[in-house]
N, C-alpha and C. Protein backbone atom coordinates (compact mmCIF):
# COMPACT_ATOMS: atom_id res chain seq x y z
N MET A 1 0.46 15.93 97.36
CA MET A 1 1.37 16.97 96.92
C MET A 1 2.62 16.89 97.79
N PHE A 2 3.77 16.70 97.17
CA PHE A 2 5.03 16.61 97.89
C PHE A 2 5.53 17.99 98.25
N ILE A 3 6.05 18.11 99.46
CA ILE A 3 6.64 19.38 99.90
C ILE A 3 7.85 19.04 100.77
N ASN A 4 8.99 19.69 100.51
CA ASN A 4 10.21 19.33 101.23
C ASN A 4 10.20 19.81 102.67
N LYS A 5 11.21 19.35 103.45
CA LYS A 5 11.26 19.64 104.88
C LYS A 5 11.37 21.13 105.15
N SER A 6 12.10 21.84 104.33
CA SER A 6 12.25 23.28 104.51
C SER A 6 10.91 24.00 104.38
N LYS A 7 10.14 23.60 103.37
CA LYS A 7 8.83 24.21 103.17
C LYS A 7 7.85 23.78 104.26
N THR A 8 7.98 22.56 104.75
CA THR A 8 7.14 22.11 105.86
C THR A 8 7.42 22.95 107.09
N ARG A 9 8.69 23.24 107.33
CA ARG A 9 9.07 24.09 108.46
C ARG A 9 8.46 25.48 108.29
N THR A 10 8.53 26.01 107.07
CA THR A 10 7.94 27.32 106.78
C THR A 10 6.44 27.31 107.04
N LEU A 11 5.78 26.23 106.65
CA LEU A 11 4.34 26.08 106.90
C LEU A 11 4.03 26.18 108.39
N ASN A 12 4.76 25.42 109.18
CA ASN A 12 4.51 25.39 110.62
C ASN A 12 4.82 26.73 111.27
N ILE A 13 5.88 27.39 110.83
CA ILE A 13 6.23 28.71 111.36
C ILE A 13 5.12 29.71 111.02
N SER A 14 4.66 29.69 109.77
CA SER A 14 3.59 30.60 109.35
C SER A 14 2.32 30.36 110.15
N LEU A 15 2.01 29.11 110.36
CA LEU A 15 0.81 28.77 111.12
C LEU A 15 0.89 29.31 112.54
N ARG A 16 2.03 29.11 113.19
CA ARG A 16 2.19 29.60 114.57
C ARG A 16 2.26 31.11 114.61
N LYS A 17 2.96 31.71 113.67
CA LYS A 17 3.13 33.16 113.67
C LYS A 17 1.79 33.88 113.49
N HIS A 18 0.99 33.42 112.58
CA HIS A 18 -0.25 34.13 112.23
C HIS A 18 -1.50 33.58 112.91
N GLY A 19 -1.40 32.40 113.51
CA GLY A 19 -2.60 31.81 114.09
C GLY A 19 -2.48 31.35 115.53
N ALA A 20 -1.37 31.66 116.18
CA ALA A 20 -1.17 31.17 117.56
C ALA A 20 -2.29 31.58 118.49
N ASP A 21 -2.73 32.83 118.42
CA ASP A 21 -3.78 33.29 119.32
C ASP A 21 -5.09 32.55 119.07
N ILE A 22 -5.36 32.23 117.82
CA ILE A 22 -6.58 31.48 117.49
C ILE A 22 -6.45 30.04 117.99
N LEU A 23 -5.31 29.42 117.71
CA LEU A 23 -5.11 28.03 118.10
C LEU A 23 -5.15 27.83 119.61
N CYS A 24 -4.76 28.86 120.37
CA CYS A 24 -4.74 28.77 121.83
C CYS A 24 -6.03 29.27 122.47
N SER A 25 -6.97 29.73 121.66
CA SER A 25 -8.20 30.29 122.22
C SER A 25 -9.12 29.19 122.77
N GLU A 26 -9.96 29.61 123.69
CA GLU A 26 -10.92 28.68 124.29
C GLU A 26 -11.86 28.10 123.23
N LYS A 27 -12.34 28.94 122.33
CA LYS A 27 -13.27 28.49 121.29
C LYS A 27 -12.62 27.42 120.41
N MET A 28 -11.37 27.64 120.01
CA MET A 28 -10.70 26.66 119.17
C MET A 28 -10.47 25.37 119.94
N GLY A 29 -10.19 25.49 121.22
CA GLY A 29 -10.03 24.29 122.05
C GLY A 29 -11.28 23.44 122.06
N LYS A 30 -12.44 24.09 122.06
CA LYS A 30 -13.71 23.37 122.02
C LYS A 30 -13.92 22.67 120.69
N GLU A 31 -13.30 23.18 119.63
CA GLU A 31 -13.43 22.58 118.30
C GLU A 31 -12.86 21.15 118.26
N LYS A 32 -12.03 20.82 119.24
CA LYS A 32 -11.48 19.46 119.32
C LYS A 32 -12.57 18.44 119.63
N ASN A 33 -13.69 18.93 120.19
CA ASN A 33 -14.79 18.04 120.57
C ASN A 33 -15.83 17.86 119.47
N TYR A 34 -15.74 18.66 118.44
CA TYR A 34 -16.69 18.57 117.33
C TYR A 34 -16.00 17.95 116.13
N HIS A 35 -16.75 17.21 115.35
CA HIS A 35 -16.12 16.50 114.24
C HIS A 35 -16.61 16.98 112.88
N HIS A 36 -15.67 16.96 111.97
CA HIS A 36 -15.90 17.33 110.58
C HIS A 36 -15.55 16.07 109.80
N GLY A 37 -16.51 15.21 109.62
CA GLY A 37 -16.22 13.90 109.03
C GLY A 37 -15.56 13.04 110.08
N VAL A 38 -14.38 12.53 109.79
CA VAL A 38 -13.70 11.62 110.72
C VAL A 38 -12.65 12.32 111.58
N VAL A 39 -12.41 13.61 111.36
CA VAL A 39 -11.43 14.35 112.16
C VAL A 39 -12.12 15.46 112.94
N SER A 40 -11.44 15.93 113.97
CA SER A 40 -12.02 17.03 114.74
C SER A 40 -11.99 18.30 113.89
N CYS A 41 -12.87 19.22 114.21
CA CYS A 41 -12.89 20.51 113.50
C CYS A 41 -11.55 21.22 113.68
N TYR A 42 -10.94 21.05 114.85
CA TYR A 42 -9.64 21.65 115.14
C TYR A 42 -8.59 21.14 114.14
N THR A 43 -8.48 19.82 114.03
CA THR A 43 -7.52 19.21 113.11
C THR A 43 -7.83 19.58 111.67
N HIS A 44 -9.08 19.57 111.32
CA HIS A 44 -9.51 19.93 109.97
C HIS A 44 -9.10 21.36 109.63
N SER A 45 -9.33 22.29 110.56
CA SER A 45 -9.00 23.69 110.31
C SER A 45 -7.49 23.89 110.14
N ILE A 46 -6.69 23.18 110.91
CA ILE A 46 -5.23 23.26 110.75
C ILE A 46 -4.83 22.72 109.38
N ALA A 47 -5.43 21.61 108.97
CA ALA A 47 -5.13 21.03 107.66
C ALA A 47 -5.51 22.00 106.54
N VAL A 48 -6.64 22.69 106.67
CA VAL A 48 -7.07 23.67 105.66
C VAL A 48 -6.06 24.82 105.59
N ALA A 49 -5.61 25.29 106.74
CA ALA A 49 -4.62 26.37 106.77
C ALA A 49 -3.32 25.95 106.08
N LYS A 50 -2.84 24.76 106.43
CA LYS A 50 -1.59 24.27 105.82
C LYS A 50 -1.75 24.07 104.32
N MET A 51 -2.86 23.51 103.88
CA MET A 51 -3.08 23.30 102.45
C MET A 51 -3.19 24.63 101.72
N SER A 52 -3.81 25.61 102.33
CA SER A 52 -3.92 26.93 101.71
C SER A 52 -2.55 27.55 101.50
N ILE A 53 -1.69 27.42 102.51
CA ILE A 53 -0.32 27.94 102.37
C ILE A 53 0.42 27.18 101.29
N ARG A 54 0.28 25.85 101.28
CA ARG A 54 0.95 25.02 100.25
C ARG A 54 0.55 25.45 98.84
N ILE A 55 -0.74 25.65 98.64
CA ILE A 55 -1.23 26.04 97.31
C ILE A 55 -0.65 27.39 96.91
N ALA A 56 -0.65 28.33 97.84
CA ALA A 56 -0.08 29.66 97.54
C ALA A 56 1.40 29.54 97.19
N MET A 57 2.13 28.70 97.94
CA MET A 57 3.57 28.51 97.66
C MET A 57 3.79 27.80 96.33
N LEU A 58 3.02 26.76 96.08
CA LEU A 58 3.18 25.96 94.87
C LEU A 58 2.96 26.78 93.61
N PHE A 59 1.94 27.62 93.63
CA PHE A 59 1.61 28.41 92.45
C PHE A 59 2.15 29.85 92.51
N HIS A 60 2.99 30.10 93.52
CA HIS A 60 3.62 31.42 93.67
C HIS A 60 2.58 32.54 93.66
N ILE A 61 1.51 32.32 94.43
CA ILE A 61 0.43 33.30 94.52
C ILE A 61 0.77 34.28 95.63
N LYS A 62 0.73 35.55 95.31
CA LYS A 62 0.96 36.57 96.32
C LYS A 62 -0.31 36.71 97.14
N VAL A 63 -0.20 36.41 98.43
CA VAL A 63 -1.35 36.48 99.32
C VAL A 63 -0.97 37.22 100.60
N ASP A 64 -1.97 37.70 101.29
CA ASP A 64 -1.78 38.22 102.63
C ASP A 64 -1.80 36.99 103.53
N ILE A 65 -0.62 36.51 103.90
CA ILE A 65 -0.50 35.24 104.61
C ILE A 65 -1.22 35.29 105.96
N ASN A 66 -1.22 36.44 106.60
CA ASN A 66 -1.92 36.59 107.87
C ASN A 66 -3.42 36.32 107.68
N SER A 67 -4.01 36.95 106.68
CA SER A 67 -5.44 36.75 106.41
C SER A 67 -5.72 35.33 105.95
N LEU A 68 -4.84 34.77 105.15
CA LEU A 68 -5.01 33.40 104.65
C LEU A 68 -5.06 32.41 105.81
N VAL A 69 -4.08 32.48 106.70
CA VAL A 69 -4.01 31.55 107.82
C VAL A 69 -5.20 31.74 108.75
N ARG A 70 -5.49 32.98 109.11
CA ARG A 70 -6.57 33.24 110.05
C ARG A 70 -7.93 32.86 109.48
N GLY A 71 -8.15 33.14 108.22
CA GLY A 71 -9.41 32.76 107.57
C GLY A 71 -9.57 31.25 107.51
N ALA A 72 -8.49 30.56 107.18
CA ALA A 72 -8.55 29.11 107.10
C ALA A 72 -8.83 28.49 108.48
N LEU A 73 -8.19 29.02 109.51
CA LEU A 73 -8.40 28.48 110.85
C LEU A 73 -9.82 28.73 111.36
N LEU A 74 -10.40 29.84 110.93
CA LEU A 74 -11.72 30.22 111.44
C LEU A 74 -12.89 29.82 110.55
N HIS A 75 -12.61 29.18 109.43
CA HIS A 75 -13.69 28.94 108.46
C HIS A 75 -14.83 28.07 108.99
N ASP A 76 -14.58 27.24 110.00
CA ASP A 76 -15.64 26.42 110.60
C ASP A 76 -15.90 26.80 112.05
N CYS A 77 -15.47 27.96 112.44
CA CYS A 77 -15.57 28.37 113.85
C CYS A 77 -16.99 28.35 114.36
N TYR A 78 -17.94 28.66 113.52
CA TYR A 78 -19.34 28.69 113.96
C TYR A 78 -20.13 27.52 113.39
N LEU A 79 -19.43 26.40 113.23
CA LEU A 79 -20.08 25.19 112.75
C LEU A 79 -21.15 24.76 113.76
N TYR A 80 -22.26 24.35 113.26
CA TYR A 80 -23.35 23.91 114.12
C TYR A 80 -24.01 22.71 113.50
N ASP A 81 -24.79 22.01 114.32
CA ASP A 81 -25.50 20.83 113.83
C ASP A 81 -26.81 21.30 113.17
N TRP A 82 -26.81 21.31 111.85
CA TRP A 82 -27.97 21.79 111.12
C TRP A 82 -29.15 20.83 111.20
N HIS A 83 -28.92 19.64 111.78
CA HIS A 83 -30.02 18.70 111.95
C HIS A 83 -30.95 19.12 113.07
N GLU A 84 -30.42 19.91 114.02
CA GLU A 84 -31.23 20.35 115.16
C GLU A 84 -31.91 21.68 114.81
N PRO A 85 -33.23 21.77 115.04
CA PRO A 85 -33.92 23.03 114.72
C PRO A 85 -33.51 24.16 115.65
């Protein structure tokens, strides 16, 4: 999905504005050590947040951007290895 530089800037501003405290938290820092496929959970969660914002912008969906960003960043916060009993 193509998105211009202005919208990319808006994405990054929204991410920092609504998720800075989460991104800087100790728990989120630990997510860098866990993997979701080939990327860290940290990187994956940021990608989910950005894609969620992009979709809302693309389809002109009215959303609570604060809840959208925070929910996307936290969606794997309690990820665990289900292989271990």
